[in-house]
Amino acid sequence: FRYFSVLPDSLKPGRLYLLPITADVIRGCSNNDLTDIRLFSQSGVEVPYTIVRAIYPGEQDRFFNLTIDKYSLNGSVEVVLATLPQEYSPVDQLRFEIDGRDFQRLITVENGNGNTWEVCAAGNIYDMSSRVKLRKTDIDIKKCYFRNFRITLIDPGSPVNRDDVPVNSKDIPKPPRISFINARAFNNEPERVVYDTRTFSDLKIETDEQKNSFVVIQAGLPLEKVYFSVESGYFMRRVRAQQSDSGKDGSFKFIFDDHIYHMPIEGGVSSQDYILGRTSRQEFFKFQIVNADNPPLNIREIRFEWAKRLLAFAAPEGGVKLYFGAADIQFPKYDIAGMINQQNWHKQNCETLIPPVINENSAFKPGVTREVLAKMEKWLLGIVILAASAGIVLWIRRLLPRENT
């Protein structure tokens, strides 16, 4: 193993502990799935462990389908009356199924007893999916306790009063219409994720032949969110994420894509400065930003976020050392992995340790990796084939009769 850390001597035998796996430990691992991590007791015996992500599960949200009782259209104003079922909980969000694309609506949501109404939310819903992967058809509302809802939609770009247009007019397109409404009651204990982060600020941003910007980052880390710190201005760009073990040209493989944007909408500004996509530890990441004919974005920093990894183990007698950084080691199969898992780790009586100092192992000797071994096997196979072919040719020549000269 290339690296090791000495855990505190104060560990109590038999007690469960959680050891945070820091970014430096992850970067020091030789395998992307962290299979080369090992714990050893003072006597050199392996200490079983399991790795969990620092996600505290919450209670599940509750969902209710609303019944649409009435729909009316007056010019550019649509009004929908809807009710929750008889058995329901106070709700915090409404989500709309809307037929159509490329629309924007100002929305006001009111809740009441059917006679009196109180505004519980106002905002925007929109769809731009013909140009970019961007659609928002939900709205958060303050907790509503009544069954009845009145939803008003206004088309900010429609100058036409539809009452003045003949019924058979073909010049006026039908507006996108709400076909289904779902209400969501948030739980009191939502899922909570503890993230680790690493910021990269010394960026070398280049431009390819298609005028797209790209940056390659040697990270050696996992990621679940990637934040881009962009100087002010309005933009909407597609970002493609790729990964590679070597970082060589042609070795990068596509993993996911998303959009970052900062753009004006009716009544405000909509922004997203991150892309979402979960992947395990990778040595190199490449982010390509599709500029089209726009000038490149001025990106100051890129920040990775991933759910913190925790190593759970029961302390043995004597001290414990953590080792990592050995190539081609298979993932261990320990009984503890079936006892402590992602669903119950937070309920265990565990003590969390402070990450210890990382040391280089002076006795480390790099071995032959599987990749190098595979190349050597190919070369040896080629040599054997050539030698066999040469032997066959010589044998055939000896069998052929020689002509008298």
Protein backbone atom coordinates (compact mmCIF):
# COMPACT_ATOMS: atom_id res chain seq x y z
CA PHE A 1 0.00 0.00 0.00
CA ARG A 2 1.31 3.43 -0.92
CA TYR A 3 -0.30 5.31 2.02
CA PHE A 4 -1.35 4.65 5.59
CA SER A 5 -2.85 6.44 8.59
CA VAL A 6 -2.68 5.57 12.28
CA LEU A 7 -6.02 5.75 14.06
CA PRO A 8 -6.21 7.01 17.67
CA ASP A 9 -5.06 4.69 20.44
CA SER A 10 -8.17 5.54 22.45
CA LEU A 11 -10.46 3.26 20.41
CA LYS A 12 -12.50 0.96 22.63
CA PRO A 13 -12.54 -2.70 21.55
CA GLY A 14 -15.93 -3.79 20.19
CA ARG A 15 -17.26 -0.26 19.78
CA LEU A 16 -18.52 0.89 16.39
CA TYR A 17 -16.76 3.84 14.77
CA LEU A 18 -17.29 5.97 11.66
CA LEU A 19 -14.17 7.20 9.89
CA PRO A 20 -14.76 9.92 7.24
CA ILE A 21 -13.04 9.09 3.95
CA THR A 22 -11.60 12.45 2.97
CA ALA A 23 -10.93 13.77 -0.51
CA ASP A 24 -7.20 13.13 -0.02
CA VAL A 25 -7.85 9.47 0.80
CA ILE A 26 -10.10 9.07 -2.25
CA ARG A 27 -7.47 10.70 -4.48
CA GLY A 28 -4.82 8.40 -3.02
CA CYS A 29 -6.77 5.25 -3.85
CA SER A 30 -5.66 3.33 -6.92
CA ASN A 31 -9.10 1.96 -7.80
CA ASN A 32 -12.13 4.05 -8.71
CA ASP A 33 -14.48 1.98 -6.52
CA LEU A 34 -12.17 2.34 -3.47
CA THR A 35 -11.57 -1.42 -3.29
CA ASP A 36 -7.97 -0.92 -2.12
CA ILE A 37 -8.87 0.42 1.32
CA ARG A 38 -7.92 -1.90 4.20
CA LEU A 39 -7.88 -1.75 7.99
CA PHE A 40 -5.36 -3.77 9.97
CA SER A 41 -5.06 -4.38 13.68
CA GLN A 42 -1.81 -4.03 15.58
CA SER A 43 -1.17 -7.75 15.09
CA GLY A 44 -1.68 -7.50 11.32
CA VAL A 45 -5.18 -9.01 11.15
CA GLU A 46 -7.69 -7.47 8.71
CA VAL A 47 -10.43 -5.47 10.40
CA PRO A 48 -13.78 -5.82 8.57
CA TYR A 49 -15.50 -2.60 7.49
CA THR A 50 -18.19 -1.24 5.21
CA ILE A 51 -18.54 2.08 3.39
CA VAL A 52 -21.73 4.14 3.42
CA ARG A 53 -22.66 7.53 2.02
CA ALA A 54 -23.55 10.27 4.54
CA ILE A 55 -27.22 10.45 3.60
CA TYR A 56 -29.78 10.66 6.39
CA PRO A 57 -33.04 9.28 4.96
CA GLY A 58 -36.17 11.26 5.72
CA GLU A 59 -39.82 10.41 5.83
CA GLN A 60 -41.48 9.93 2.47
CA ASP A 61 -43.53 12.77 1.03
CA ARG A 62 -47.26 12.26 0.45
CA PHE A 63 -48.92 12.91 -2.90
CA PHE A 64 -52.56 13.65 -3.77
CA ASN A 65 -54.28 13.95 -7.15
CA LEU A 66 -56.61 16.93 -7.49
CA THR A 67 -59.91 16.83 -9.36
CA ILE A 68 -60.30 19.59 -11.95
CA ASP A 69 -63.85 20.90 -11.42
CA LYS A 70 -63.94 23.85 -13.83
CA TYR A 71 -61.80 25.41 -16.54
CA SER A 72 -62.44 28.82 -18.11
CA LEU A 73 -60.58 31.00 -20.63
CA ASN A 74 -61.05 34.73 -21.00
CA GLY A 75 -58.62 36.28 -23.42
CA SER A 76 -55.12 35.50 -22.14
CA VAL A 77 -56.36 34.55 -18.66
CA GLU A 78 -57.11 30.93 -17.73
CA VAL A 79 -58.77 29.98 -14.45
CA VAL A 80 -58.83 26.44 -13.07
CA LEU A 81 -60.86 25.31 -10.05
CA ALA A 82 -59.67 22.07 -8.44
CA THR A 83 -60.16 20.16 -5.19
CA LEU A 84 -58.15 17.72 -3.10
CA PRO A 85 -59.63 14.31 -2.23
CA GLN A 86 -61.62 13.83 0.97
CA GLU A 87 -58.62 12.30 2.77
CA TYR A 88 -55.61 14.59 2.46
CA SER A 89 -52.86 16.36 4.36
CA PRO A 90 -51.92 20.05 4.18
CA VAL A 91 -49.89 20.43 0.99
CA ASP A 92 -46.76 22.42 0.12
CA GLN A 93 -46.41 22.12 -3.65
CA LEU A 94 -48.50 21.79 -6.81
CA ARG A 95 -47.28 20.09 -9.99
CA PHE A 96 -49.10 20.49 -13.29
CA GLU A 97 -49.29 18.22 -16.32
CA ILE A 98 -49.55 20.62 -19.26
CA ASP A 99 -50.06 19.67 -22.88
CA GLY A 100 -47.78 21.70 -25.14
CA ARG A 101 -44.28 23.09 -25.44
CA ASP A 102 -42.63 26.50 -25.55
CA PHE A 103 -44.86 28.48 -23.25
CA GLN A 104 -44.59 30.82 -20.29
CA ARG A 105 -47.34 31.67 -17.84
CA LEU A 106 -47.65 33.89 -14.79
CA ILE A 107 -49.38 31.78 -12.17
CA THR A 108 -51.29 32.65 -9.01
CA VAL A 109 -52.47 29.91 -6.64
CA GLU A 110 -55.27 30.58 -4.14
CA ASN A 111 -56.59 28.29 -1.44
CA GLY A 112 -59.89 28.57 0.37
CA ASN A 113 -63.24 27.10 1.34
CA GLY A 114 -64.89 27.78 -2.01
CA ASN A 115 -66.27 31.20 -1.02
CA THR A 116 -63.24 33.09 0.30
CA TRP A 117 -59.75 32.76 -1.13
CA GLU A 118 -56.22 33.49 0.10
CA VAL A 119 -53.20 33.78 -2.18
CA CYS A 120 -50.66 31.13 -1.23
CA ALA A 121 -48.21 31.43 -4.15
CA ALA A 122 -47.37 33.47 -7.24
CA GLY A 123 -44.65 32.84 -9.79
CA ASN A 124 -43.89 31.43 -13.23
CA ILE A 125 -44.22 28.14 -15.06
CA TYR A 126 -42.59 27.68 -18.45
CA ASP A 127 -41.28 25.30 -21.08
CA MET A 128 -38.36 25.88 -23.47
CA SER A 129 -37.76 22.25 -24.43
CA SER A 130 -37.57 22.86 -28.18
CA ARG A 131 -34.39 24.90 -27.61
CA VAL A 132 -32.97 23.71 -24.29
CA LYS A 133 -33.72 21.07 -21.65
CA LEU A 134 -35.65 23.46 -19.44
CA ARG A 135 -39.19 22.94 -18.16
CA LYS A 136 -40.76 24.08 -14.88
CA THR A 137 -44.36 23.09 -14.21
CA ASP A 138 -44.49 23.10 -10.42
CA ILE A 139 -44.76 25.79 -7.79
CA ASP A 140 -44.05 25.78 -4.08
CA ILE A 141 -46.87 27.16 -1.96
CA LYS A 142 -47.21 28.02 1.69
CA LYS A 143 -48.90 25.19 3.54
CA CYS A 144 -52.54 25.02 2.48
CA TYR A 145 -55.17 23.51 4.77
CA PHE A 146 -58.32 23.79 2.61
CA ARG A 147 -59.35 21.37 -0.13
CA ASN A 148 -60.26 24.00 -2.73
CA PHE A 149 -57.82 25.70 -5.09
CA ARG A 150 -58.24 28.47 -7.64
CA ILE A 151 -55.37 28.66 -10.12
CA THR A 152 -55.01 31.64 -12.47
CA LEU A 153 -52.69 31.54 -15.48
CA ILE A 154 -51.83 34.64 -17.52
CA ASP A 155 -49.99 34.59 -20.83
CA PRO A 156 -47.68 37.64 -20.60
CA GLY A 157 -47.01 37.59 -24.34
CA SER A 158 -50.60 37.44 -25.61
CA PRO A 159 -52.01 40.81 -26.74
CA VAL A 160 -55.21 39.25 -28.04
CA ASN A 161 -58.50 39.14 -26.15
CA ARG A 162 -59.98 35.88 -27.28
CA ASP A 163 -63.53 37.10 -26.77
CA ASP A 164 -62.98 39.36 -29.81
CA VAL A 165 -61.86 36.48 -32.05
CA PRO A 166 -64.37 34.33 -34.01
CA VAL A 167 -64.72 30.79 -32.73
CA ASN A 168 -63.66 29.33 -36.07
CA SER A 169 -60.49 31.43 -36.32
CA LYS A 170 -57.46 29.30 -37.25
CA ASP A 171 -54.93 32.07 -36.66
CA ILE A 172 -54.99 31.78 -32.86
CA PRO A 173 -53.18 28.67 -31.54
CA LYS A 174 -54.76 26.82 -28.66
CA PRO A 175 -53.03 27.64 -25.36
CA PRO A 176 -51.30 24.88 -23.39
CA ARG A 177 -53.89 23.47 -21.04
CA ILE A 178 -53.60 21.90 -17.60
CA SER A 179 -54.71 18.28 -17.87
CA PHE A 180 -53.66 17.00 -14.43
CA ILE A 181 -52.70 18.47 -11.04
CA ASN A 182 -50.75 16.67 -8.32
CA ALA A 183 -50.25 18.06 -4.79
CA ARG A 184 -47.29 17.21 -2.59
CA ALA A 185 -47.14 17.30 1.19
CA PHE A 186 -43.52 17.59 2.31
CA ASN A 187 -42.45 15.46 5.24
CA ASN A 188 -41.20 17.11 8.39
CA GLU A 189 -37.84 15.35 8.11
CA PRO A 190 -36.57 15.56 4.53
CA GLU A 191 -33.56 13.61 3.36
CA ARG A 192 -30.34 15.29 4.43
CA VAL A 193 -27.03 14.83 2.62
CA VAL A 194 -23.64 15.78 4.06
CA TYR A 195 -21.40 16.80 1.16
CA ASP A 196 -17.67 16.88 0.69
CA THR A 197 -16.36 19.52 -1.70
CA ARG A 198 -13.26 20.33 -3.70
CA THR A 199 -12.80 23.61 -5.62
CA PHE A 200 -10.62 23.95 -8.71
CA SER A 201 -9.65 27.53 -9.53
CA ASP A 202 -6.48 27.21 -11.63
CA LEU A 203 -8.38 26.33 -14.80
CA LYS A 204 -6.94 26.00 -18.29
CA ILE A 205 -9.96 26.64 -20.52
CA GLU A 206 -9.44 25.94 -24.22
CA THR A 207 -11.55 26.20 -27.39
CA ASP A 208 -12.07 23.44 -29.94
CA GLU A 209 -12.71 23.65 -33.69
CA GLN A 210 -16.47 24.09 -33.16
CA LYS A 211 -15.83 27.11 -30.89
CA ASN A 212 -16.86 25.10 -27.83
CA SER A 213 -15.03 25.74 -24.58
CA PHE A 214 -13.59 22.79 -22.68
CA VAL A 215 -11.55 22.23 -19.56
CA VAL A 216 -9.84 19.05 -18.31
CA ILE A 217 -9.50 18.55 -14.55
CA GLN A 218 -7.37 15.88 -12.92
CA ALA A 219 -9.54 15.21 -9.89
CA GLY A 220 -9.36 11.61 -8.73
CA LEU A 221 -12.73 12.19 -7.05
CA PRO A 222 -16.38 11.20 -7.37
CA LEU A 223 -19.01 13.81 -8.11
CA GLU A 224 -22.73 14.35 -7.83
CA LYS A 225 -22.94 18.11 -8.41
CA VAL A 226 -20.62 20.37 -10.38
CA TYR A 227 -20.89 24.13 -9.79
CA PHE A 228 -19.61 26.69 -12.29
CA SER A 229 -18.71 30.16 -11.02
CA VAL A 230 -19.47 32.40 -14.01
CA GLU A 231 -19.11 36.17 -14.22
CA SER A 232 -22.38 38.11 -14.44
CA GLY A 233 -24.38 38.21 -17.65
CA TYR A 234 -27.27 36.40 -19.32
CA PHE A 235 -26.50 33.01 -20.86
CA MET A 236 -27.84 29.50 -21.46
CA ARG A 237 -25.25 26.84 -22.27
CA ARG A 238 -25.25 23.09 -22.52
CA VAL A 239 -22.46 21.35 -20.58
CA ARG A 240 -21.25 17.86 -21.48
CA ALA A 241 -19.36 15.90 -18.81
CA GLN A 242 -16.84 13.18 -19.79
CA GLN A 243 -14.48 10.96 -17.82
CA SER A 244 -11.18 9.18 -18.41
CA ASP A 245 -8.62 7.14 -16.49
CA SER A 246 -5.63 8.39 -18.46
CA GLY A 247 -6.61 11.89 -19.64
CA LYS A 248 -5.28 11.15 -23.13
CA ASP A 249 -6.97 12.47 -26.27
CA GLY A 250 -9.65 10.06 -27.44
CA SER A 251 -9.92 8.33 -24.05
CA PHE A 252 -12.77 10.43 -22.63
CA LYS A 253 -16.21 8.84 -22.41
CA PHE A 254 -19.51 10.74 -22.13
CA ILE A 255 -21.27 10.39 -18.76
CA PHE A 256 -24.04 13.04 -18.64
CA ASP A 257 -25.03 16.53 -19.74
CA ASP A 258 -27.13 19.38 -18.39
CA HIS A 259 -27.58 23.15 -18.77
CA ILE A 260 -26.32 26.12 -16.83
CA TYR A 261 -28.14 29.41 -17.33
CA HIS A 262 -28.88 32.88 -16.02
CA MET A 263 -31.72 34.43 -17.96
CA PRO A 264 -34.54 36.92 -17.53
CA ILE A 265 -38.12 35.72 -17.33
CA GLU A 266 -41.34 37.59 -16.80
CA GLY A 267 -41.24 38.91 -13.27
CA GLY A 268 -37.66 37.94 -12.40
CA VAL A 269 -34.57 35.92 -13.27
CA SER A 270 -34.09 32.16 -13.51
CA SER A 271 -30.64 30.73 -12.74
CA GLN A 272 -28.88 27.39 -12.47
CA ASP A 273 -25.13 27.35 -11.95
CA TYR A 274 -24.66 23.58 -11.54
CA ILE A 275 -25.11 20.30 -13.38
CA LEU A 276 -26.25 17.07 -11.77
CA GLY A 277 -24.82 13.63 -12.43
CA ARG A 278 -23.57 10.94 -10.09
CA THR A 279 -20.41 9.01 -10.89
CA SER A 280 -17.77 7.13 -8.94
CA ARG A 281 -14.19 8.27 -8.50
CA GLN A 282 -12.54 9.18 -11.81
CA GLU A 283 -9.01 10.40 -12.40
CA PHE A 284 -9.86 12.90 -15.15
CA PHE A 285 -13.00 14.86 -16.01
CA LYS A 286 -13.61 16.95 -19.11
CA PHE A 287 -16.36 19.56 -19.28
CA GLN A 288 -17.34 20.84 -22.72
CA ILE A 289 -19.48 24.00 -22.92
CA VAL A 290 -21.44 24.39 -26.15
CA ASN A 291 -21.11 28.06 -27.13
CA ALA A 292 -22.69 28.05 -30.61
CA ASP A 293 -21.93 31.58 -31.89
CA ASN A 294 -21.76 33.12 -28.41
CA PRO A 295 -18.53 34.34 -26.82
CA PRO A 296 -17.05 31.88 -24.28
CA LEU A 297 -18.13 32.18 -20.67
CA ASN A 298 -15.63 33.53 -18.16
CA ILE A 299 -15.51 30.67 -15.65
CA ARG A 300 -13.61 31.53 -12.48
CA GLU A 301 -14.00 28.28 -10.51
CA ILE A 302 -15.45 24.79 -10.75
CA ARG A 303 -16.56 23.08 -7.55
CA PHE A 304 -17.23 19.36 -7.10
CA GLU A 305 -19.69 18.06 -4.52
CA TRP A 306 -20.31 14.44 -3.53
CA ALA A 307 -21.94 12.70 -0.59
CA LYS A 308 -19.35 12.18 2.14
CA ARG A 309 -18.11 8.58 2.42
CA LEU A 310 -17.95 7.00 5.88
CA LEU A 311 -16.06 3.85 6.80
CA ALA A 312 -17.84 1.90 9.55
CA PHE A 313 -15.96 -0.69 11.61
CA ALA A 314 -15.77 -2.30 15.03
CA ALA A 315 -12.51 -1.59 16.84
CA PRO A 316 -10.33 -4.61 17.71
CA GLU A 317 -7.88 -4.99 20.58
CA GLY A 318 -4.87 -2.72 20.22
CA GLY A 319 -4.38 -0.05 17.58
CA VAL A 320 -5.76 0.20 14.05
CA LYS A 321 -4.10 1.39 10.85
CA LEU A 322 -5.76 2.46 7.62
CA TYR A 323 -4.01 1.48 4.37
CA PHE A 324 -4.85 2.46 0.78
CA GLY A 325 -3.26 3.01 -2.60
CA ALA A 326 -2.62 -0.54 -3.87
CA ALA A 327 -3.57 -1.44 -7.44
CA ASP A 328 -5.75 -4.37 -8.53
CA ILE A 329 -7.15 -5.42 -5.16
CA GLN A 330 -10.60 -6.95 -5.16
CA PHE A 331 -13.38 -5.57 -2.98
CA PRO A 332 -13.46 -7.46 0.34
CA LYS A 333 -16.52 -9.44 1.42
CA TYR A 334 -17.12 -8.77 5.10
CA ASP A 335 -20.11 -9.81 7.22
CA ILE A 336 -20.45 -6.26 8.57
CA ALA A 337 -21.66 -5.06 5.14
CA GLY A 338 -24.87 -7.04 5.67
CA MET A 339 -25.40 -5.55 9.12
CA ILE A 340 -24.68 -1.86 8.56
CA ASN A 341 -26.03 -0.45 5.31
CA GLN A 342 -27.33 2.72 3.70
CA GLN A 343 -30.76 2.38 5.34
CA ASN A 344 -29.70 1.87 8.97
CA TRP A 345 -26.19 3.28 9.43
CA HIS A 346 -27.46 6.48 11.06
CA LYS A 347 -29.35 4.46 13.68
CA GLN A 348 -26.23 2.66 14.91
CA ASN A 349 -24.51 3.67 18.12
CA CYS A 350 -21.35 4.87 16.40
CA GLU A 351 -18.72 7.40 17.33
CA THR A 352 -17.36 9.56 14.51
CA LEU A 353 -13.59 9.93 14.36
CA ILE A 354 -11.50 12.87 13.19
CA PRO A 355 -9.63 11.97 9.96
CA PRO A 356 -6.01 11.12 10.86
CA VAL A 357 -2.84 12.34 9.14
CA ILE A 358 -1.90 10.55 5.90
CA ASN A 359 1.63 9.12 5.66
CA GLU A 360 3.57 7.65 2.75
CA ASN A 361 4.59 4.04 3.18
CA SER A 362 8.37 3.82 2.73
CA ALA A 363 8.12 0.05 2.15
CA PHE A 364 5.77 0.48 -0.83
CA LYS A 365 6.90 -1.15 -4.08
CA PRO A 366 4.75 -0.60 -7.18
CA GLY A 367 3.58 -3.89 -8.60
CA VAL A 368 2.58 -4.83 -12.11
CA THR A 369 -0.95 -3.65 -12.82
CA ARG A 370 -3.49 -5.66 -14.77
CA GLU A 371 -3.20 -3.29 -17.72
CA VAL A 372 0.57 -3.75 -17.93
CA LEU A 373 0.17 -7.50 -17.42
CA ALA A 374 -2.38 -7.68 -20.24
CA LYS A 375 -0.01 -5.83 -22.58
CA MET A 376 2.84 -8.19 -21.62
CA GLU A 377 0.62 -11.20 -22.30
CA LYS A 378 -0.23 -9.82 -25.75
CA TRP A 379 3.44 -9.29 -26.56
CA LEU A 380 4.35 -12.79 -25.34
CA LEU A 381 1.48 -14.30 -27.34
CA GLY A 382 2.68 -12.46 -30.46
CA ILE A 383 6.24 -13.72 -29.94
CA VAL A 384 4.99 -17.30 -29.47
CA ILE A 385 2.91 -17.09 -32.65
CA LEU A 386 5.84 -15.69 -34.66
CA ALA A 387 8.17 -18.38 -33.33
CA ALA A 388 5.66 -21.12 -34.09
CA SER A 389 5.09 -19.74 -37.58
CA ALA A 390 8.84 -19.63 -38.26
CA GLY A 391 9.22 -23.22 -37.02
CA ILE A 392 6.42 -24.44 -39.28
CA VAL A 393 7.98 -22.70 -42.31
CA LEU A 394 11.36 -24.28 -41.61
CA TRP A 395 9.77 -27.72 -41.13
CA ILE A 396 7.88 -27.43 -44.44
CA ARG A 397 11.05 -26.37 -46.27
CA ARG A 398 12.88 -29.43 -44.98
CA LEU A 399 10.11 -31.69 -46.24
CA LEU A 400 10.22 -30.25 -49.77
CA PRO A 401 12.58 -32.08 -52.21
CA ARG A 402 15.65 -30.11 -53.20
CA GLU A 403 16.43 -29.60 -56.94
CA ASN A 404 19.82 -30.72 -58.30
CA THR A 405 21.93 -27.85 -59.50
